[in-house]
N, C-alpha and C. Protein backbone atom coordinates (compact mmCIF):
# COMPACT_ATOMS: atom_id res chain seq x y z
N MET A 1 0.88 -1.29 -0.01
CA MET A 1 0.13 0.03 -0.21
C MET A 1 0.87 1.28 -0.14
N ALA A 2 0.23 2.47 -0.76
CA ALA A 2 1.25 3.43 -1.02
C ALA A 2 0.97 4.38 0.39
N ARG A 3 2.04 5.08 0.59
CA ARG A 3 2.03 5.89 1.93
C ARG A 3 1.52 7.35 1.57
N LEU A 4 1.01 7.59 2.34
CA LEU A 4 0.12 8.91 2.34
C LEU A 4 1.23 9.97 2.45
N ILE A 5 1.44 11.00 1.56
CA ILE A 5 2.52 12.16 1.63
C ILE A 5 1.43 13.62 1.93
N PRO A 6 2.06 14.42 2.65
CA PRO A 6 1.21 15.15 2.94
C PRO A 6 1.20 16.51 1.89
N ALA A 7 0.14 17.36 1.56
CA ALA A 7 0.15 18.07 0.76
C ALA A 7 1.06 18.93 0.59
N SER A 8 1.70 19.58 1.60
CA SER A 8 2.89 20.61 1.75
C SER A 8 3.70 20.31 1.28
N LYS A 9 4.48 18.48 1.57
CA LYS A 9 5.25 17.75 1.18
C LYS A 9 5.43 17.70 -0.40
N ARG A 10 4.27 17.64 -1.01
CA ARG A 10 3.88 17.42 -2.44
C ARG A 10 4.32 18.32 -3.16
N VAL A 11 3.94 19.88 -2.36
CA VAL A 11 4.30 20.94 -3.29
C VAL A 11 5.52 21.10 -3.30
N VAL A 12 6.36 20.90 -2.24
CA VAL A 12 7.90 21.26 -2.09
C VAL A 12 8.77 19.79 -3.11
N GLN A 13 8.04 18.69 -3.11
CA GLN A 13 8.64 17.69 -4.09
C GLN A 13 8.41 18.30 -5.46
N ALA A 14 7.40 18.91 -5.80
CA ALA A 14 7.15 19.17 -7.15
C ALA A 14 8.07 20.18 -7.37
N ARG A 15 8.21 21.30 -6.31
CA ARG A 15 9.23 22.28 -7.12
C ARG A 15 10.31 21.88 -7.15
N ALA A 16 10.86 20.72 -6.11
CA ALA A 16 12.16 20.20 -6.57
C ALA A 16 12.27 19.62 -8.08
N LEU A 17 11.27 18.89 -8.33
CA LEU A 17 11.46 18.17 -9.73
C LEU A 17 11.27 19.37 -10.74
N ILE A 18 10.65 20.57 -10.63
CA ILE A 18 10.65 21.41 -11.43
C ILE A 18 11.87 22.05 -11.70
N GLN A 19 12.81 22.28 -10.42
CA GLN A 19 13.82 23.00 -10.24
C GLN A 19 14.96 21.67 -11.30
N GLN A 20 14.92 20.86 -10.92
CA GLN A 20 15.62 19.62 -11.59
C GLN A 20 15.36 19.19 -13.11
N ALA A 21 14.32 19.50 -13.74
CA ALA A 21 14.25 19.83 -15.21
C ALA A 21 14.88 21.12 -15.47
N ARG A 22 14.70 22.08 -14.85
CA ARG A 22 15.58 23.37 -15.43
C ARG A 22 17.08 23.01 -15.41
N ASP A 23 17.35 22.12 -14.27
CA ASP A 23 19.20 22.16 -14.35
C ASP A 23 19.74 20.92 -15.15
N LEU A 24 18.73 20.31 -15.77
CA LEU A 24 19.33 19.38 -16.82
C LEU A 24 20.30 20.01 -17.76
N PRO A 25 21.51 19.33 -17.68
CA PRO A 25 22.54 19.85 -18.96
C PRO A 25 21.92 19.81 -20.38
N LEU A 26 21.99 21.19 -20.96
CA LEU A 26 21.56 20.58 -22.66
C LEU A 26 22.71 20.06 -23.21
N PRO A 27 22.28 18.98 -23.93
CA PRO A 27 23.18 18.47 -24.90
C PRO A 27 24.00 19.44 -26.20
N SER A 28 25.24 19.14 -25.95
CA SER A 28 25.82 20.15 -26.94
C SER A 28 25.59 19.93 -28.39
N ASP A 29 25.60 18.69 -28.64
CA ASP A 29 25.31 18.20 -30.24
C ASP A 29 24.03 18.64 -30.56
N ALA A 30 22.84 18.43 -30.08
CA ALA A 30 21.48 18.76 -30.56
C ALA A 30 20.58 19.36 -29.98
N GLY A 31 20.83 19.79 -28.66
CA GLY A 31 19.93 20.55 -28.07
C GLY A 31 18.96 20.51 -27.69
N TRP A 32 17.53 20.93 -27.97
CA TRP A 32 16.43 20.72 -27.46
C TRP A 32 15.85 19.61 -28.66
N GLN A 33 16.60 19.45 -29.78
CA GLN A 33 16.18 18.20 -30.76
C GLN A 33 16.39 16.98 -30.25
N ASP A 34 17.43 16.75 -29.10
CA ASP A 34 17.59 15.65 -28.76
C ASP A 34 16.34 14.78 -27.94
N PHE A 35 15.89 13.71 -28.62
CA PHE A 35 14.54 13.06 -27.90
C PHE A 35 14.55 12.83 -26.55
N SER A 36 15.92 12.35 -26.06
CA SER A 36 16.08 11.86 -24.64
C SER A 36 16.47 12.98 -24.00
N TYR A 37 16.56 14.05 -24.06
CA TYR A 37 16.88 15.20 -23.60
C TYR A 37 15.14 15.52 -23.22
N VAL A 38 14.59 15.72 -24.29
CA VAL A 38 13.19 16.19 -24.21
C VAL A 38 12.42 15.28 -23.49
N ALA A 39 12.67 14.19 -23.48
CA ALA A 39 11.60 13.20 -22.81
C ALA A 39 12.01 13.18 -20.90
N GLN A 40 13.33 13.10 -21.03
CA GLN A 40 13.79 13.72 -19.40
C GLN A 40 12.79 14.62 -18.95
N VAL A 41 13.05 16.15 -19.42
CA VAL A 41 12.13 17.01 -19.14
C VAL A 41 10.96 17.01 -19.03
N LYS A 42 10.55 16.37 -19.76
CA LYS A 42 8.63 16.25 -20.00
C LYS A 42 8.32 15.37 -18.65
N ASP A 43 9.17 14.23 -18.62
CA ASP A 43 9.17 13.45 -17.76
C ASP A 43 9.08 13.90 -16.09
N LEU A 44 9.99 14.68 -16.00
CA LEU A 44 10.16 15.24 -14.69
C LEU A 44 8.74 16.27 -14.50
N LEU A 45 8.61 16.94 -15.31
CA LEU A 45 7.56 18.05 -15.33
C LEU A 45 6.17 17.04 -15.07
N ARG A 46 5.93 15.89 -15.64
CA ARG A 46 4.97 15.47 -15.36
C ARG A 46 4.53 14.96 -14.05
N GLN A 47 5.69 14.20 -13.34
CA GLN A 47 5.96 13.87 -12.19
C GLN A 47 5.53 14.97 -11.31
N ALA A 48 5.93 16.15 -11.63
CA ALA A 48 5.56 17.47 -10.76
C ALA A 48 4.07 17.65 -10.69
N ARG A 49 3.63 17.49 -12.12
CA ARG A 49 1.91 17.29 -12.06
C ARG A 49 1.30 16.62 -11.21
N GLU A 50 1.80 15.14 -11.33
CA GLU A 50 1.15 14.08 -11.03
C GLU A 50 1.38 14.32 -9.35
N LEU A 51 1.91 14.97 -8.70
CA LEU A 51 2.18 14.95 -7.27
C LEU A 51 1.28 15.89 -6.79
N ILE A 52 0.77 16.87 -7.77
CA ILE A 52 -0.27 18.15 -7.00
C ILE A 52 -1.40 18.28 -7.70
N LYS A 53 -1.99 17.01 -8.55
CA LYS A 53 -2.95 17.21 -9.50
C LYS A 53 -4.24 16.95 -8.73
N PHE A 54 -4.27 16.30 -7.65
CA PHE A 54 -5.35 15.80 -6.86
C PHE A 54 -5.80 17.09 -5.61
N ILE A 55 -4.65 17.79 -5.24
CA ILE A 55 -4.65 18.92 -4.01
C ILE A 55 -5.96 19.55 -4.05
N PRO A 56 -6.04 20.32 -5.37
CA PRO A 56 -7.36 21.27 -5.39
C PRO A 56 -8.63 20.56 -4.93
N ASN A 57 -8.97 19.30 -5.69
CA ASN A 57 -9.94 18.53 -5.02
C ASN A 57 -10.14 18.20 -3.27
N SER A 58 -9.31 18.41 -2.84
CA SER A 58 -9.35 18.01 -1.28
C SER A 58 -9.81 18.91 -0.35
N PRO A 59 -10.88 18.09 0.00
CA PRO A 59 -11.70 19.52 1.12
C PRO A 59 -10.74 19.71 2.40
N SER A 60 -9.60 19.39 2.53
CA SER A 60 -8.78 19.65 3.92
C SER A 60 -7.96 20.69 3.37
N ALA A 61 -7.59 20.86 1.89
CA ALA A 61 -6.81 21.98 1.54
C ALA A 61 -7.62 23.35 1.69
N SER A 62 -6.02 24.12 2.07
CA SER A 62 -7.07 25.60 2.50
C SER A 62 -6.64 26.48 0.94
N GLU A 63 -7.51 27.52 1.09
CA GLU A 63 -7.58 28.27 -0.45
C GLU A 63 -6.18 28.66 -0.53
N ALA A 64 -5.08 29.02 0.46
CA ALA A 64 -3.82 29.34 0.05
C ALA A 64 -2.83 28.23 -0.52
N LEU A 65 -3.38 26.88 0.15
CA LEU A 65 -2.53 25.95 -0.80
C LEU A 65 -3.11 25.81 -2.10
N LYS A 66 -4.30 25.93 -2.48
CA LYS A 66 -4.90 25.42 -3.53
C LYS A 66 -4.45 26.62 -4.86
N ASP A 67 -4.02 27.95 -4.18
CA ASP A 67 -3.74 28.99 -5.21
C ASP A 67 -2.14 28.65 -5.16
N GLU A 68 -1.33 27.94 -4.39
CA GLU A 68 -0.39 27.81 -4.50
C GLU A 68 0.07 26.77 -5.63
N VAL A 69 -0.88 25.64 -5.62
CA VAL A 69 -0.79 24.81 -6.48
C VAL A 69 -1.36 25.23 -7.88
N ALA A 70 -2.45 25.99 -7.74
CA ALA A 70 -2.31 26.53 -9.21
C ALA A 70 -1.30 27.58 -9.93
N LYS A 71 -0.45 28.34 -9.17
CA LYS A 71 0.78 28.56 -9.37
C LYS A 71 1.82 27.62 -10.02
N LEU A 72 1.96 26.51 -9.50
CA LEU A 72 2.96 25.66 -9.89
C LEU A 72 2.41 24.67 -10.98
N PHE A 73 1.03 24.71 -11.28
CA PHE A 73 0.46 24.32 -12.60
C PHE A 73 1.12 25.28 -13.69
N ARG A 74 0.93 26.47 -13.32
CA ARG A 74 1.24 27.62 -14.46
C ARG A 74 2.92 27.44 -14.51
N GLU A 75 3.92 27.40 -13.55
CA GLU A 75 5.21 27.10 -13.46
C GLU A 75 5.67 26.24 -14.34
N THR A 76 4.73 24.79 -14.31
CA THR A 76 5.52 23.61 -14.90
C THR A 76 5.20 23.73 -16.38
N GLU A 77 3.69 24.74 -16.71
CA GLU A 77 3.80 25.19 -18.32
C GLU A 77 4.88 26.02 -18.65
N THR A 78 5.04 27.06 -18.05
CA THR A 78 6.20 28.10 -18.45
C THR A 78 7.71 27.49 -18.47
N ALA A 79 7.95 26.99 -17.56
CA ALA A 79 9.09 25.87 -17.60
C ALA A 79 9.42 25.25 -18.71
N GLU A 80 8.05 24.26 -18.95
CA GLU A 80 8.21 23.38 -20.34
C GLU A 80 8.85 24.08 -21.36
N LYS A 81 7.80 25.32 -21.66
CA LYS A 81 8.20 26.42 -22.85
C LYS A 81 9.37 26.75 -22.90
N GLU A 82 9.99 27.29 -21.42
CA GLU A 82 11.20 28.00 -21.44
C GLU A 82 12.54 27.06 -22.01
N ILE A 83 12.13 25.78 -21.21
CA ILE A 83 13.14 24.94 -21.36
C ILE A 83 13.31 24.60 -22.79
N LEU A 84 12.28 23.94 -23.53
CA LEU A 84 12.48 23.33 -24.62
C LEU A 84 12.14 24.02 -25.90
N ARG A 85 12.14 25.62 -25.70
CA ARG A 85 12.06 26.27 -27.13
C ARG A 85 13.15 27.26 -26.61
N ARG A 86 14.18 26.89 -26.22
CA ARG A 86 15.63 27.90 -26.23
C ARG A 86 16.25 27.91 -27.68
């Protein structure tokens, strides 16, 4: 059985995954056209979204936490555009 991770810890982990995607070294030969690099970035951002996607539906989540999650969703979208559209 999977263990329950508190929402605040999920937000911290999602931020770390987004930062990890930003910190991936850009391949020198093909850049964003390298399929492996693109797949790694998309996978890290997908993991971040998966961690926080159910928090807004939780009745115990505060409005501040829901707003923070909405900001993280927007941040994953902008991070993907910034990283892959260099």
